C-alpha atoms as a PDB file:
ATOM      1  CA  MET A   1      18.503  12.930  13.603  1.00  0.00           C
ATOM      2  CA  LYS A   2      20.636  14.943  11.217  1.00  0.00           C
ATOM      3  CA  ASN A   3      22.380  13.049   8.397  1.00  0.00           C
ATOM      4  CA  SER A   4      20.244   9.949   8.763  1.00  0.00           C
ATOM      5  CA  LYS A   5      21.726   6.516   8.052  1.00  0.00           C
ATOM      6  CA  ILE A   6      18.502   5.563   6.258  1.00  0.00           C
ATOM      7  CA  GLU A   7      19.491   5.589   2.600  1.00  0.00           C
ATOM      8  CA  TRP A   8      16.388   7.280   1.168  1.00  0.00           C
ATOM      9  CA  CYS A   9      16.229  10.353   3.421  1.00  0.00           C
ATOM     10  CA  ASP A  10      18.470  13.122   4.709  1.00  0.00           C
ATOM     11  CA  HIS A  11      17.081  13.396   8.236  1.00  0.00           C
ATOM     12  CA  THR A  12      14.826  11.419  10.572  1.00  0.00           C
ATOM     13  CA  PHE A  13      12.506  12.979  13.119  1.00  0.00           C
ATOM     14  CA  ASN A  14      10.446  11.196  15.774  1.00  0.00           C
ATOM     15  CA  PRO A  15       7.853  13.443  17.443  1.00  0.00           C
ATOM     16  CA  TRP A  16       7.086  10.609  19.859  1.00  0.00           C
ATOM     17  CA  ILE A  17       8.111   7.011  20.476  1.00  0.00           C
ATOM     18  CA  GLY A  18       5.871   3.949  20.620  1.00  0.00           C
ATOM     19  CA  CYS A  19       3.479   1.931  18.479  1.00  0.00           C
ATOM     20  CA  THR A  20       1.380  -1.250  18.270  1.00  0.00           C
ATOM     21  CA  LYS A  21       2.011  -4.157  15.904  1.00  0.00           C
ATOM     22  CA  VAL A  22      -0.639  -4.469  13.210  1.00  0.00           C
ATOM     23  CA  SER A  23       0.606  -7.008  10.604  1.00  0.00           C
ATOM     24  CA  PRO A  24       3.250  -9.680   9.811  1.00  0.00           C
ATOM     25  CA  GLY A  25       5.803  -7.054   8.795  1.00  0.00           C
ATOM     26  CA  CYS A  26       5.859  -5.860  12.413  1.00  0.00           C
ATOM     27  CA  LEU A  27       7.018  -9.231  13.786  1.00  0.00           C
ATOM     28  CA  HIS A  28      10.687  -8.253  14.192  1.00  0.00           C
ATOM     29  CA  CYS A  29      10.173  -4.498  14.560  1.00  0.00           C
ATOM     30  CA  TYR A  30      13.538  -2.819  15.116  1.00  0.00           C
ATOM     31  CA  ALA A  31      11.872   0.136  16.844  1.00  0.00           C
ATOM     32  CA  GLU A  32      10.251  -2.187  19.377  1.00  0.00           C
ATOM     33  CA  SER A  33      13.611  -3.860  19.990  1.00  0.00           C
ATOM     34  CA  LEU A  34      15.230  -0.482  20.644  1.00  0.00           C
ATOM     35  CA  ASN A  35      12.388   0.488  22.948  1.00  0.00           C
ATOM     36  CA  LEU A  36      12.759  -2.765  24.847  1.00  0.00           C
ATOM     37  CA  ARG A  37      16.463  -2.070  25.296  1.00  0.00           C
ATOM     38  CA  TRP A  38      16.104   1.610  26.231  1.00  0.00           C
ATOM     39  CA  ARG A  39      12.792   1.716  28.077  1.00  0.00           C
ATOM     40  CA  LYS A  40      11.995  -1.940  28.845  1.00  0.00           C
ATOM     41  CA  GLY A  41       9.201  -1.873  26.217  1.00  0.00           C
ATOM     42  CA  ALA A  42       7.122   0.670  28.120  1.00  0.00           C
ATOM     43  CA  ASN A  43       5.897   2.407  24.943  1.00  0.00           C
ATOM     44  CA  TRP A  44       4.942  -0.631  22.868  1.00  0.00           C
ATOM     45  CA  GLY A  45       1.598  -2.315  22.418  1.00  0.00           C
ATOM     46  CA  LYS A  46      -2.074  -1.407  22.648  1.00  0.00           C
ATOM     47  CA  GLY A  47      -2.731   0.840  25.613  1.00  0.00           C
ATOM     48  CA  ALA A  48       0.965   1.538  26.219  1.00  0.00           C
ATOM     49  CA  THR A  49       1.975   5.135  26.891  1.00  0.00           C
ATOM     50  CA  ARG A  50       3.542   6.910  23.930  1.00  0.00           C
ATOM     51  CA  GLU A  51       6.536   9.042  24.881  1.00  0.00           C
ATOM     52  CA  ARG A  52       6.966  12.514  23.430  1.00  0.00           C
ATOM     53  CA  THR A  53      10.516  13.480  22.518  1.00  0.00           C
ATOM     54  CA  SER A  54      12.253  16.470  24.111  1.00  0.00           C
ATOM     55  CA  GLU A  55      11.640  20.125  23.312  1.00  0.00           C
ATOM     56  CA  ALA A  56      15.296  20.506  22.308  1.00  0.00           C
ATOM     57  CA  TYR A  57      14.891  17.644  19.832  1.00  0.00           C
ATOM     58  CA  TRP A  58      11.756  19.282  18.384  1.00  0.00           C
ATOM     59  CA  LYS A  59      13.823  22.376  17.554  1.00  0.00           C
ATOM     60  CA  GLU A  60      16.233  20.476  15.292  1.00  0.00           C
ATOM     61  CA  PRO A  61      13.941  20.525  12.197  1.00  0.00           C
ATOM     62  CA  LEU A  62      13.808  24.308  12.543  1.00  0.00           C
ATOM     63  CA  GLN A  63      17.586  24.377  12.132  1.00  0.00           C
ATOM     64  CA  TRP A  64      17.442  22.042   9.121  1.00  0.00           C
ATOM     65  CA  ASN A  65      14.718  24.234   7.626  1.00  0.00           C
ATOM     66  CA  LYS A  66      16.804  27.377   8.067  1.00  0.00           C
ATOM     67  CA  ALA A  67      19.855  25.741   6.484  1.00  0.00           C
ATOM     68  CA  ALA A  68      17.771  24.479   3.557  1.00  0.00           C
ATOM     69  CA  GLY A  69      16.350  27.975   3.020  1.00  0.00           C
ATOM     70  CA  GLU A  70      19.855  29.408   2.812  1.00  0.00           C
ATOM     71  CA  SER A  71      21.016  26.691   0.399  1.00  0.00           C
ATOM     72  CA  ALA A  72      21.769  27.550  -3.232  1.00  0.00           C
ATOM     73  CA  LEU A  73      21.060  24.029  -4.557  1.00  0.00           C
ATOM     74  CA  TYR A  74      18.330  23.646  -7.185  1.00  0.00           C
ATOM     75  CA  GLU A  75      16.779  20.793  -9.165  1.00  0.00           C
ATOM     76  CA  THR A  76      14.938  20.714 -12.481  1.00  0.00           C
ATOM     77  CA  THR A  77      11.249  19.810 -12.159  1.00  0.00           C
ATOM     78  CA  PRO A  78       8.364  19.773 -14.650  1.00  0.00           C
ATOM     79  CA  GLU A  79       7.411  23.147 -13.173  1.00  0.00           C
ATOM     80  CA  GLY A  80      10.891  24.631 -13.683  1.00  0.00           C
ATOM     81  CA  LEU A  81      13.854  25.136 -11.352  1.00  0.00           C
ATOM     82  CA  LYS A  82      13.067  24.624  -7.673  1.00  0.00           C
ATOM     83  CA  LYS A  83      15.228  24.771  -4.591  1.00  0.00           C
ATOM     84  CA  ILE A  84      16.093  21.307  -3.309  1.00  0.00           C
ATOM     85  CA  ARG A  85      14.253  20.355  -0.150  1.00  0.00           C
ATOM     86  CA  PRO A  86      16.041  17.869   2.147  1.00  0.00           C
ATOM     87  CA  ARG A  87      13.921  14.787   2.863  1.00  0.00           C
ATOM     88  CA  VAL A  88      12.806  14.198   6.469  1.00  0.00           C
ATOM     89  CA  PHE A  89      11.482  10.733   7.377  1.00  0.00           C
ATOM     90  CA  CYS A  90       8.804  11.004  10.066  1.00  0.00           C
ATOM     91  CA  ALA A  91       8.579   8.801  12.129  1.00  0.00           C
ATOM     92  CA  SER A  92      10.974   5.842  12.266  1.00  0.00           C
ATOM     93  CA  LEU A  93      10.125   4.868  15.871  1.00  0.00           C
ATOM     94  CA  ALA A  94       6.388   5.511  15.763  1.00  0.00           C
ATOM     95  CA  ASP A  95       3.411   6.035  13.434  1.00  0.00           C
ATOM     96  CA  TRP A  96       2.256   9.582  12.805  1.00  0.00           C
ATOM     97  CA  LEU A  97      -1.358   8.359  12.385  1.00  0.00           C
ATOM     98  CA  ASP A  98      -1.371   6.198  15.529  1.00  0.00           C
ATOM     99  CA  GLY A  99      -4.824   6.632  17.075  1.00  0.00           C
ATOM    100  CA  GLU A 100      -3.435   6.156  20.582  1.00  0.00           C
ATOM    101  CA  VAL A 101      -1.384   9.352  20.384  1.00  0.00           C
ATOM    102  CA  SER A 102      -2.655  12.588  21.931  1.00  0.00           C
ATOM    103  CA  ILE A 103      -4.341  14.738  19.293  1.00  0.00           C
ATOM    104  CA  GLU A 104      -2.518  17.773  20.710  1.00  0.00           C
ATOM    105  CA  TRP A 105       0.777  16.096  19.760  1.00  0.00           C
ATOM    106  CA  LEU A 106      -0.448  15.596  16.197  1.00  0.00           C
ATOM    107  CA  VAL A 107      -1.456  19.268  16.026  1.00  0.00           C
ATOM    108  CA  ASP A 108       2.059  20.210  17.150  1.00  0.00           C
ATOM    109  CA  LEU A 109       3.616  17.941  14.505  1.00  0.00           C
ATOM    110  CA  LEU A 110       1.445  19.389  11.738  1.00  0.00           C
ATOM    111  CA  ALA A 111       2.345  22.897  12.900  1.00  0.00           C
ATOM    112  CA  LEU A 112       6.048  22.018  12.694  1.00  0.00           C
ATOM    113  CA  ILE A 113       5.603  20.603   9.173  1.00  0.00           C
ATOM    114  CA  HIS A 114       3.679  23.730   8.148  1.00  0.00           C
ATOM    115  CA  ARG A 115       6.402  25.952   9.543  1.00  0.00           C
ATOM    116  CA  CYS A 116       9.308  23.979   8.015  1.00  0.00           C
ATOM    117  CA  ASN A 117       8.347  24.430   4.380  1.00  0.00           C
ATOM    118  CA  ASN A 118      11.952  24.199   3.125  1.00  0.00           C
ATOM    119  CA  LEU A 119      11.889  20.479   3.974  1.00  0.00           C
ATOM    120  CA  ASN A 120      10.059  17.629   2.297  1.00  0.00           C
ATOM    121  CA  TRP A 121       8.348  15.623   5.032  1.00  0.00           C
ATOM    122  CA  LEU A 122       8.018  11.917   4.237  1.00  0.00           C
ATOM    123  CA  LEU A 123       5.090  10.759   6.373  1.00  0.00           C
ATOM    124  CA  LEU A 124       5.019   6.954   6.457  1.00  0.00           C
ATOM    125  CA  THR A 125       2.190   5.023   8.108  1.00  0.00           C
ATOM    126  CA  LYS A 126       0.707   1.565   8.466  1.00  0.00           C
ATOM    127  CA  ARG A 127      -2.647   3.215   9.177  1.00  0.00           C
ATOM    128  CA  PRO A 128      -3.548   5.301   6.089  1.00  0.00           C
ATOM    129  CA  GLU A 129      -7.251   4.837   6.888  1.00  0.00           C
ATOM    130  CA  ASN A 130      -6.730   7.117   9.915  1.00  0.00           C
ATOM    131  CA  TRP A 131      -5.687  10.140   7.853  1.00  0.00           C
ATOM    132  CA  LYS A 132      -9.056  11.856   7.418  1.00  0.00           C
ATOM    133  CA  PRO A 133     -10.485  11.250  10.918  1.00  0.00           C
ATOM    134  CA  ARG A 134      -7.205  12.203  12.621  1.00  0.00           C
ATOM    135  CA  LEU A 135      -6.773  15.404  10.597  1.00  0.00           C
ATOM    136  CA  ALA A 136     -10.410  16.359  11.118  1.00  0.00           C
ATOM    137  CA  PHE A 137      -9.964  15.757  14.858  1.00  0.00           C
ATOM    138  CA  ALA A 138      -6.786  17.862  14.826  1.00  0.00           C
ATOM    139  CA  LEU A 139      -8.550  20.691  12.995  1.00  0.00           C
ATOM    140  CA  ASN A 140     -11.417  20.651  15.480  1.00  0.00           C
ATOM    141  CA  ASN A 141      -8.955  20.692  18.375  1.00  0.00           C
ATOM    142  CA  LEU A 142      -7.066  23.588  16.839  1.00  0.00           C
ATOM    143  CA  THR A 143     -10.107  25.748  16.128  1.00  0.00           C
ATOM    144  CA  THR A 144     -11.631  25.254  19.579  1.00  0.00           C
ATOM    145  CA  SER A 145      -8.532  25.524  21.757  1.00  0.00           C
ATOM    146  CA  GLN A 146      -6.157  28.007  20.140  1.00  0.00           C
ATOM    147  CA  GLN A 147      -6.239  31.767  20.401  1.00  0.00           C
ATOM    148  CA  ALA A 148      -6.812  33.587  17.138  1.00  0.00           C
ATOM    149  CA  SER A 149      -3.675  34.886  15.420  1.00  0.00           C
ATOM    150  CA  PRO A 150      -2.559  35.378  11.792  1.00  0.00           C
ATOM    151  CA  GLU A 151      -0.219  32.364  12.044  1.00  0.00           C
ATOM    152  CA  ASN A 152      -2.929  30.106  13.491  1.00  0.00           C
ATOM    153  CA  PHE A 153      -5.323  31.280  10.795  1.00  0.00           C
ATOM    154  CA  ARG A 154      -2.857  30.323   8.038  1.00  0.00           C
ATOM    155  CA  PHE A 155      -2.204  26.974   9.733  1.00  0.00           C
ATOM    156  CA  ILE A 156      -5.943  26.269   9.992  1.00  0.00           C
ATOM    157  CA  GLN A 157      -6.364  27.121   6.306  1.00  0.00           C
ATOM    158  CA  TRP A 158      -3.490  24.743   5.483  1.00  0.00           C
ATOM    159  CA  ILE A 159      -5.201  21.792   7.230  1.00  0.00           C
ATOM    160  CA  GLU A 160      -8.600  22.690   5.761  1.00  0.00           C
ATOM    161  CA  ALA A 161      -7.129  22.838   2.259  1.00  0.00           C
ATOM    162  CA  TRP A 162      -5.507  19.418   2.712  1.00  0.00           C
ATOM    163  CA  LEU A 163      -8.771  17.896   3.922  1.00  0.00           C
ATOM    164  CA  ASN A 164     -10.533  19.457   0.916  1.00  0.00           C
ATOM    165  CA  GLY A 165      -8.107  17.973  -1.622  1.00  0.00           C
ATOM    166  CA  THR A 166      -5.225  20.452  -1.908  1.00  0.00           C
ATOM    167  CA  PRO A 167      -2.069  18.745  -0.619  1.00  0.00           C
ATOM    168  CA  PRO A 168       0.790  20.632   1.049  1.00  0.00           C
ATOM    169  CA  GLU A 169       3.752  21.333  -1.233  1.00  0.00           C
ATOM    170  CA  ASN A 170       6.251  19.831   1.214  1.00  0.00           C
ATOM    171  CA  VAL A 171       4.512  16.600   2.240  1.00  0.00           C
ATOM    172  CA  TRP A 172       4.983  13.128   0.751  1.00  0.00           C
ATOM    173  CA  VAL A 173       2.667  10.445   2.110  1.00  0.00           C
ATOM    174  CA  GLY A 174       3.527   6.750   2.121  1.00  0.00           C
ATOM    175  CA  THR A 175       2.358   3.461   3.546  1.00  0.00           C
ATOM    176  CA  SER A 176       4.266   0.325   4.552  1.00  0.00           C
ATOM    177  CA  VAL A 177       3.253  -2.893   2.805  1.00  0.00           C
ATOM    178  CA  GLU A 178       5.017  -6.230   3.117  1.00  0.00           C
ATOM    179  CA  ASP A 179       2.900  -8.570   0.983  1.00  0.00           C
ATOM    180  CA  GLN A 180       0.006  -8.575  -1.483  1.00  0.00           C
ATOM    181  CA  ALA A 181      -2.615  -8.710   1.267  1.00  0.00           C
ATOM    182  CA  ARG A 182      -1.306  -5.501   2.815  1.00  0.00           C
ATOM    183  CA  VAL A 183      -1.048  -3.881  -0.649  1.00  0.00           C
ATOM    184  CA  ASN A 184      -4.712  -4.644  -1.318  1.00  0.00           C
ATOM    185  CA  LEU A 185      -5.692  -3.326   2.106  1.00  0.00           C
ATOM    186  CA  ARG A 186      -3.603  -0.156   2.430  1.00  0.00           C
ATOM    187  CA  VAL A 187      -2.931   1.179  -1.068  1.00  0.00           C
ATOM    188  CA  PRO A 188      -6.590   2.104  -1.774  1.00  0.00           C
ATOM    189  CA  GLU A 189      -6.592   4.050   1.496  1.00  0.00           C
ATOM    190  CA  LEU A 190      -3.311   5.753   0.578  1.00  0.00           C
ATOM    191  CA  LEU A 191      -4.686   6.846  -2.799  1.00  0.00           C
ATOM    192  CA  MET A 192      -7.523   8.655  -1.015  1.00  0.00           C
ATOM    193  CA  ILE A 193      -5.004  10.952   0.712  1.00  0.00           C
ATOM    194  CA  PRO A 194      -4.217  14.118  -1.305  1.00  0.00           C
ATOM    195  CA  ALA A 195      -0.428  14.228  -1.742  1.00  0.00           C
ATOM    196  CA  ARG A 196       2.177  15.689  -4.061  1.00  0.00           C
ATOM    197  CA  VAL A 197       4.013  12.363  -3.841  1.00  0.00           C
ATOM    198  CA  ARG A 198       2.630   8.995  -2.750  1.00  0.00           C
ATOM    199  CA  PHE A 199       5.086   6.230  -2.001  1.00  0.00           C
ATOM    200  CA  LEU A 200       5.286   2.656  -0.788  1.00  0.00           C
ATOM    201  CA  SER A 201       7.822   1.258   1.655  1.00  0.00           C
ATOM    202  CA  ILE A 202       7.986  -2.475   0.926  1.00  0.00           C
ATOM    203  CA  GLU A 203      10.270  -3.447   3.784  1.00  0.00           C
ATOM    204  CA  PRO A 204      10.491  -6.120   4.915  1.00  0.00           C
ATOM    205  CA  MET A 205       9.336  -7.714   1.681  1.00  0.00           C
ATOM    206  CA  LEU A 206       7.715 -10.996   2.690  1.00  0.00           C
ATOM    207  CA  GLY A 207       6.192 -12.193  -0.579  1.00  0.00           C
ATOM    208  CA  PRO A 208       5.652 -11.439  -4.277  1.00  0.00           C
ATOM    209  CA  ILE A 209       3.758  -8.230  -4.990  1.00  0.00           C
ATOM    210  CA  ASP A 210       1.872  -7.057  -8.077  1.00  0.00           C
ATOM    211  CA  LEU A 211       1.495  -3.281  -8.265  1.00  0.00           C
ATOM    212  CA  MET A 212       0.614  -2.774 -11.928  1.00  0.00           C
ATOM    213  CA  LYS A 213      -3.045  -1.954 -11.303  1.00  0.00           C
ATOM    214  CA  TRP A 214      -1.966   0.811  -8.910  1.00  0.00           C
ATOM    215  CA  PHE A 215       0.185   2.430 -11.586  1.00  0.00           C
ATOM    216  CA  HIS A 216      -2.822   3.127 -13.853  1.00  0.00           C
ATOM    217  CA  PRO A 217      -4.515   6.550 -13.965  1.00  0.00           C
ATOM    218  CA  ASN A 218      -8.181   7.457 -13.741  1.00  0.00           C
ATOM    219  CA  GLY A 219      -8.037   9.154 -17.141  1.00  0.00           C
ATOM    220  CA  ARG A 220      -9.550   7.114 -19.999  1.00  0.00           C
ATOM    221  CA  CYS A 221     -10.384   7.611 -23.652  1.00  0.00           C
ATOM    222  CA  GLY A 222     -13.694   9.466 -23.922  1.00  0.00           C
ATOM    223  CA  GLU A 223     -14.890   7.190 -26.731  1.00  0.00           C
ATOM    224  CA  CYS A 224     -13.948   3.606 -25.857  1.00  0.00           C
ATOM    225  CA  LEU A 225     -12.808   4.094 -22.234  1.00  0.00           C
ATOM    226  CA  ASP A 226      -9.500   2.439 -23.126  1.00  0.00           C
ATOM    227  CA  LEU A 227      -6.186   3.185 -21.429  1.00  0.00           C
ATOM    228  CA  ILE A 228      -2.989   3.599 -23.405  1.00  0.00           C
ATOM    229  CA  ARG A 229       0.200   4.042 -21.410  1.00  0.00           C
ATOM    230  CA  VAL A 230       3.565   5.173 -22.732  1.00  0.00           C
ATOM    231  CA  GLY A 231       5.962   5.397 -19.806  1.00  0.00           C
ATOM    232  CA  ARG A 232       4.478   7.978 -17.418  1.00  0.00           C
ATOM    233  CA  GLU A 233       2.463   9.691 -20.173  1.00  0.00           C
ATOM    234  CA  TYR A 234      -1.129   8.644 -20.802  1.00  0.00           C
ATOM    235  CA  VAL A 235      -2.527   9.510 -24.213  1.00  0.00           C
ATOM    236  CA  SER A 236      -5.801   9.093 -26.060  1.00  0.00           C
ATOM    237  CA  CYS A 237      -6.056   5.703 -27.745  1.00  0.00           C
ATOM    238  CA  GLN A 238      -5.466   5.367 -31.482  1.00  0.00           C
ATOM    239  CA  CYS A 239      -8.257   2.898 -32.222  1.00  0.00           C
ATOM    240  CA  CYS A 240     -11.078   5.436 -32.350  1.00  0.00           C
ATOM    241  CA  CYS A 241      -9.678   8.902 -31.684  1.00  0.00           C
ATOM    242  CA  GLU A 242      -8.751  11.231 -34.531  1.00  0.00           C
ATOM    243  CA  GLY A 243      -6.286  14.056 -34.492  1.00  0.00           C
ATOM    244  CA  PRO A 244      -3.166  14.509 -32.352  1.00  0.00           C
ATOM    245  CA  GLU A 245      -2.612  12.468 -29.236  1.00  0.00           C
ATOM    246  CA  GLN A 246      -4.000  14.091 -26.114  1.00  0.00           C
ATOM    247  CA  THR A 247      -2.288  13.704 -22.773  1.00  0.00           C
ATOM    248  CA  LEU A 248      -4.736  12.678 -20.081  1.00  0.00           C
ATOM    249  CA  THR A 249      -4.650  13.860 -16.488  1.00  0.00           C
ATOM    250  CA  ARG A 250      -3.004  11.294 -14.234  1.00  0.00           C
ATOM    251  CA  THR A 251      -4.272  11.090 -10.674  1.00  0.00           C
ATOM    252  CA  ASP A 252      -4.313   8.593  -7.844  1.00  0.00           C
ATOM    253  CA  LEU A 253      -0.968   7.018  -8.698  1.00  0.00           C
ATOM    254  CA  ILE A 254       1.923   5.564  -6.765  1.00  0.00           C
ATOM    255  CA  ASP A 255       4.897   7.835  -7.459  1.00  0.00           C
ATOM    256  CA  TRP A 256       7.738   5.952  -5.775  1.00  0.00           C
ATOM    257  CA  VAL A 257       8.539   2.435  -4.526  1.00  0.00           C
ATOM    258  CA  ILE A 258      11.119   1.545  -1.861  1.00  0.00           C
ATOM    259  CA  CYS A 259      12.029  -2.131  -1.503  1.00  0.00           C
ATOM    260  CA  GLY A 260      14.134  -3.961   1.067  1.00  0.00           C
ATOM    261  CA  GLY A 261      14.736  -7.185   2.954  1.00  0.00           C
ATOM    262  CA  GLU A 262      14.521  -7.634   6.703  1.00  0.00           C
ATOM    263  CA  SER A 263      17.445  -7.036   9.066  1.00  0.00           C
ATOM    264  CA  GLY A 264      18.096  -7.767  12.714  1.00  0.00           C
ATOM    265  CA  PRO A 265      17.665 -10.903  14.872  1.00  0.00           C
ATOM    266  CA  GLY A 266      15.323 -13.491  13.355  1.00  0.00           C
ATOM    267  CA  ALA A 267      15.239 -11.720   9.984  1.00  0.00           C
ATOM    268  CA  ARG A 268      13.298 -13.488   7.227  1.00  0.00           C
ATOM    269  CA  PRO A 269      15.028 -13.832   3.810  1.00  0.00           C
ATOM    270  CA  MET A 270      13.659 -12.101   0.716  1.00  0.00           C
ATOM    271  CA  HIS A 271      13.535 -14.175  -2.464  1.00  0.00           C
ATOM    272  CA  PRO A 272      15.527 -12.267  -5.137  1.00  0.00           C
ATOM    273  CA  ASP A 273      12.786 -12.784  -7.722  1.00  0.00           C
ATOM    274  CA  TRP A 274      10.359 -10.796  -5.557  1.00  0.00           C
ATOM    275  CA  ALA A 275      12.652  -7.755  -5.712  1.00  0.00           C
ATOM    276  CA  ARG A 276      13.385  -8.269  -9.422  1.00  0.00           C
ATOM    277  CA  SER A 277       9.680  -8.418 -10.259  1.00  0.00           C
ATOM    278  CA  LEU A 278       9.028  -5.205  -8.343  1.00  0.00           C
ATOM    279  CA  ARG A 279      11.926  -3.479 -10.101  1.00  0.00           C
ATOM    280  CA  ASP A 280      10.659  -4.613 -13.509  1.00  0.00           C
ATOM    281  CA  GLN A 281       7.111  -3.427 -12.781  1.00  0.00           C
ATOM    282  CA  CYS A 282       8.418  -0.001 -11.797  1.00  0.00           C
ATOM    283  CA  GLN A 283      10.628   0.223 -14.879  1.00  0.00           C
ATOM    284  CA  ALA A 284       7.726  -0.721 -17.157  1.00  0.00           C
ATOM    285  CA  ALA A 285       5.487   1.922 -15.584  1.00  0.00           C
ATOM    286  CA  GLY A 286       8.143   4.633 -15.310  1.00  0.00           C
ATOM    287  CA  VAL A 287       7.922   4.668 -11.509  1.00  0.00           C
ATOM    288  CA  PRO A 288      11.148   5.443  -9.569  1.00  0.00           C
ATOM    289  CA  PHE A 289      12.488   2.367  -7.737  1.00  0.00           C
ATOM    290  CA  PHE A 290      14.765   2.423  -4.694  1.00  0.00           C
ATOM    291  CA  PHE A 291      16.402  -0.803  -3.504  1.00  0.00           C
ATOM    292  CA  LYS A 292      17.273  -0.114   0.120  1.00  0.00           C
ATOM    293  CA  GLN A 293      18.923  -3.353   1.235  1.00  0.00           C
ATOM    294  CA  TRP A 294      19.041  -7.136   1.132  1.00  0.00           C
ATOM    295  CA  GLY A 295      18.863  -7.256   4.909  1.00  0.00           C
ATOM    296  CA  GLU A 296      20.617 -10.069   6.760  1.00  0.00           C
ATOM    297  CA  TRP A 297      20.329 -12.521   3.846  1.00  0.00           C
ATOM    298  CA  ILE A 298      21.806 -12.509   0.355  1.00  0.00           C
ATOM    299  CA  PRO A 299      21.533 -14.987  -2.546  1.00  0.00           C
ATOM    300  CA  TRP A 300      24.544 -17.282  -2.687  1.00  0.00           C
ATOM    301  CA  TYR A 301      26.406 -17.891  -5.938  1.00  0.00           C
ATOM    302  CA  ARG A 302      29.527 -19.942  -6.606  1.00  0.00           C
ATOM    303  CA  GLY A 303      32.731 -18.184  -5.611  1.00  0.00           C
ATOM    304  CA  LEU A 304      30.945 -15.564  -3.503  1.00  0.00           C
ATOM    305  CA  GLU A 305      33.221 -13.781  -1.045  1.00  0.00           C
ATOM    306  CA  ILE A 306      31.933 -11.419   1.635  1.00  0.00           C
ATOM    307  CA  GLY A 307      34.756  -9.095   2.698  1.00  0.00           C
ATOM    308  CA  ASN A 308      37.440 -11.249   4.291  1.00  0.00           C
ATOM    309  CA  ARG A 309      35.020 -14.122   4.830  1.00  0.00           C
ATOM    310  CA  GLN A 310      35.734 -16.875   2.332  1.00  0.00           C
ATOM    311  CA  GLN A 311      33.292 -19.210   0.654  1.00  0.00           C
ATOM    312  CA  ALA A 312      33.848 -21.971   3.226  1.00  0.00           C
ATOM    313  CA  PHE A 313      32.626 -19.732   6.043  1.00  0.00           C
ATOM    314  CA  VAL A 314      29.658 -18.581   4.003  1.00  0.00           C
ATOM    315  CA  MET A 315      28.668 -22.109   3.057  1.00  0.00           C
ATOM    316  CA  ALA A 316      28.850 -23.204   6.662  1.00  0.00           C
ATOM    317  CA  ASN A 317      26.152 -20.655   7.451  1.00  0.00           C
ATOM    318  CA  ALA A 318      23.998 -21.250   4.385  1.00  0.00           C
ATOM    319  CA  SER A 319      20.374 -22.296   4.702  1.00  0.00           C
ATOM    320  CA  ARG A 320      17.756 -23.265   2.150  1.00  0.00           C
ATOM    321  CA  TYR A 321      14.767 -20.956   2.065  1.00  0.00           C
ATOM    322  CA  ILE A 322      11.559 -22.139   0.415  1.00  0.00           C
ATOM    323  CA  PRO A 323       8.881 -19.423   0.286  1.00  0.00           C
ATOM    324  CA  GLU A 324       5.427 -20.928   0.785  1.00  0.00           C
ATOM    325  CA  ASN A 325       3.730 -18.569  -1.674  1.00  0.00           C
ATOM    326  CA  PHE A 326       6.333 -18.379  -4.432  1.00  0.00           C
ATOM    327  CA  SER A 327       6.659 -20.669  -7.445  1.00  0.00           C
ATOM    328  CA  SER A 328      10.142 -19.656  -8.642  1.00  0.00           C
ATOM    329  CA  PRO A 329      13.026 -22.142  -8.434  1.00  0.00           C
ATOM    330  CA  LEU A 330      14.595 -22.673  -5.051  1.00  0.00           C
ATOM    331  CA  VAL A 331      17.393 -20.314  -4.135  1.00  0.00           C
ATOM    332  CA  THR A 332      20.093 -20.652  -1.508  1.00  0.00           C
ATOM    333  CA  MET A 333      20.218 -17.639   0.810  1.00  0.00           C
ATOM    334  CA  ILE A 334      23.096 -17.023   3.190  1.00  0.00           C
ATOM    335  CA  CYS A 335      22.994 -14.993   6.381  1.00  0.00           C
ATOM    336  CA  VAL A 336      25.935 -12.577   6.337  1.00  0.00           C
ATOM    337  CA  GLY A 337      24.541  -9.474   8.037  1.00  0.00           C
ATOM    338  CA  LYS A 338      23.045  -6.277   6.647  1.00  0.00           C
ATOM    339  CA  LYS A 339      26.305  -4.395   6.105  1.00  0.00           C
ATOM    340  CA  GLN A 340      28.021  -7.154   4.147  1.00  0.00           C
ATOM    341  CA  ALA A 341      24.901  -8.129   2.225  1.00  0.00           C
ATOM    342  CA  GLY A 342      24.829  -4.617   0.777  1.00  0.00           C
ATOM    343  CA  ARG A 343      22.196  -3.201  -1.559  1.00  0.00           C
ATOM    344  CA  LEU A 344      23.107  -4.244  -5.096  1.00  0.00           C
ATOM    345  CA  LEU A 345      20.313  -5.889  -7.085  1.00  0.00           C
ATOM    346  CA  ASP A 346      21.796  -7.802 -10.026  1.00  0.00           C
ATOM    347  CA  GLY A 347      24.929  -5.697  -9.698  1.00  0.00           C
ATOM    348  CA  VAL A 348      23.106  -2.345  -9.760  1.00  0.00           C
ATOM    349  CA  GLU A 349      22.511   0.122  -6.933  1.00  0.00           C
ATOM    350  CA  TRP A 350      18.980   1.436  -7.477  1.00  0.00           C
ATOM    351  CA  ASN A 351      18.689   4.982  -6.110  1.00  0.00           C
ATOM    352  CA  GLU A 352      15.751   6.443  -8.026  1.00  0.00           C
ATOM    353  CA  PHE A 353      13.668   9.272  -6.517  1.00  0.00           C
ATOM    354  CA  PRO A 354      10.519  11.031  -7.684  1.00  0.00           C
ATOM    355  CA  VAL A 355      10.851  14.567  -9.005  1.00  0.00           C
END
């Protein structure tokens, strides 16, 4: 889809449609609801047939890639001026590492990503543990079934390099996490995937989350093994090291955090302190923070007006939400709908992106 309505990307692309629920964040899956409406749920659940999108639809990224290549827009990066790559979210109605998807389809998707190198592909998954086995399977399928050609040879080298630790320039890899349990389960798997950018999609946010340990680097002082952090720069500690400060190599970090509340029928409210804590952690660590939405619910405060809806209407629809795993004071949340709830956190629209 060109000009995506998702705030943190420019385009969305779904190579296929269908998935299986794996955790509490999937309870009110919007993609499943759409599939139920369009296809009577035929593509959802374990063992259900995944549906590949049309050939005409698969050609759209090629058009975006061509337009991006002809663009004259540049951004400043630590490596100098680089042409801006539009961001493509893949896949909003599926999971690119779904083990129930034909491996030939994954090969085709990887080939499209390899070919469209003027785009940044944001590959989001709830199954980061599948990355290595799925890519190895795809590589084996490619080398045993494809005829030899210069393009296939370059594509094979591209997958081999990724498996051996050299990430593609145009691929960002992320995982969805909704609570601390999913953070502890999926983030270590995500950090094992070579990537130019690693990101977290914390939507819907269903509980407080502590990410600080995942913002630390592997680099340590050679003498006392201490870590000293100053923003995003990691330097040798001052307690035992002489001479000028030495910047350490930072690896295995989370580079970007997206946060949002749940929307749609049955949406669960997000305590505002959960989002504030996540924002503050990112600010302290120098990690870009993107607040996508409140969802259906927003904190109520005296005199609040939502569009033409006055306080009396809002209060009539107010409900008290008491998170089971949160110790902050109670907060009154009101259900006003995603559009009217907006995406301001403490009066600020957070639109930070990684460079």
